[in-house]
Amino acid sequence: MSDNGKGIEPERLQEIQNDLEQPQIQDHGSLGLKNVQERLRILYGNEYGLTIDSTLHVGTTATVRVPLQ
């Protein structure tokens, strides 16, 4: 899913990406995303889950990767 909104500040985007990769570390306000990430990885394995990419003033893309069944 993508949008053409204001995007995410690079520092904040890095915090979100770190939280998604290492859910056991301190939460930086992305608890909902971390919960979804954890559930996807429990169901499908560590190679699946969420990725968030964003460019400031351009937009944000959230990708959910799950196996084709």
Protein backbone atom coordinates (compact mmCIF):
# COMPACT_ATOMS: atom_id res chain seq x y z
CA MET A 1 0.00 0.00 0.00
CA SER A 2 1.36 3.42 -0.90
CA ASP A 3 0.33 7.00 -0.36
CA ASN A 4 1.48 10.35 -1.66
CA GLY A 5 1.42 12.10 1.72
CA LYS A 6 4.12 14.04 3.47
CA GLY A 7 6.31 10.98 4.10
CA ILE A 8 8.25 10.16 7.25
CA GLU A 9 11.30 12.00 8.57
CA PRO A 10 14.41 9.86 7.94
CA GLU A 11 15.24 9.58 11.66
CA ARG A 12 11.70 8.44 12.50
CA LEU A 13 11.68 5.99 9.59
CA GLN A 14 14.91 4.46 10.91
CA GLU A 15 13.34 4.05 14.37
CA ILE A 16 10.32 2.29 12.84
CA GLN A 17 12.50 0.02 10.72
CA ASN A 18 14.66 -0.85 13.74
CA ASP A 19 11.56 -1.63 15.81
CA LEU A 20 10.28 -3.97 13.09
CA GLU A 21 13.58 -5.82 12.83
CA GLN A 22 14.19 -6.10 16.58
CA PRO A 23 10.80 -6.17 18.29
CA GLN A 24 12.29 -6.88 21.72
CA ILE A 25 14.04 -3.49 21.96
CA GLN A 26 12.48 -0.26 23.21
CA ASP A 27 9.23 0.83 21.56
CA HIS A 28 9.38 4.16 19.74
CA GLY A 29 5.63 4.50 19.28
CA SER A 30 5.17 1.80 16.65
CA LEU A 31 3.60 -0.85 18.90
CA GLY A 32 0.80 -1.70 16.44
CA LEU A 33 3.28 -2.27 13.62
CA LYS A 34 5.46 -4.38 15.91
CA ASN A 35 2.46 -6.53 16.88
CA VAL A 36 1.57 -7.14 13.24
CA GLN A 37 5.22 -7.94 12.44
CA GLU A 38 5.44 -10.42 15.31
CA ARG A 39 2.21 -12.18 14.31
CA LEU A 40 3.28 -12.47 10.67
CA ARG A 41 6.63 -13.93 11.68
CA ILE A 42 5.03 -16.38 14.10
CA LEU A 43 2.65 -17.55 11.37
CA TYR A 44 5.02 -17.60 8.38
CA GLY A 45 8.62 -17.35 9.59
CA ASN A 46 11.23 -14.61 9.91
CA GLU A 47 11.62 -14.11 6.16
CA TYR A 48 8.08 -12.69 6.02
CA GLY A 49 6.52 -9.57 7.54
CA LEU A 50 6.31 -5.81 7.13
CA THR A 51 8.58 -3.31 5.48
CA ILE A 52 8.05 0.44 5.53
CA ASP A 53 9.74 2.76 3.04
CA SER A 54 9.22 6.49 2.84
CA THR A 55 10.56 9.58 1.13
CA LEU A 56 9.91 12.89 2.81
CA HIS A 57 7.43 15.06 0.84
CA VAL A 58 6.80 12.17 -1.59
CA GLY A 59 5.00 9.43 0.30
CA THR A 60 5.18 6.14 2.16
CA THR A 61 4.91 2.52 1.09
CA ALA A 62 4.02 -0.31 3.47
CA THR A 63 4.60 -3.82 2.15
CA VAL A 64 3.28 -7.01 3.75
CA ARG A 65 5.16 -10.10 2.65
CA VAL A 66 3.46 -13.49 3.15
CA PRO A 67 3.96 -16.80 1.36
CA LEU A 68 1.84 -17.62 -1.67
CA GLN A 69 -0.44 -20.48 -0.72
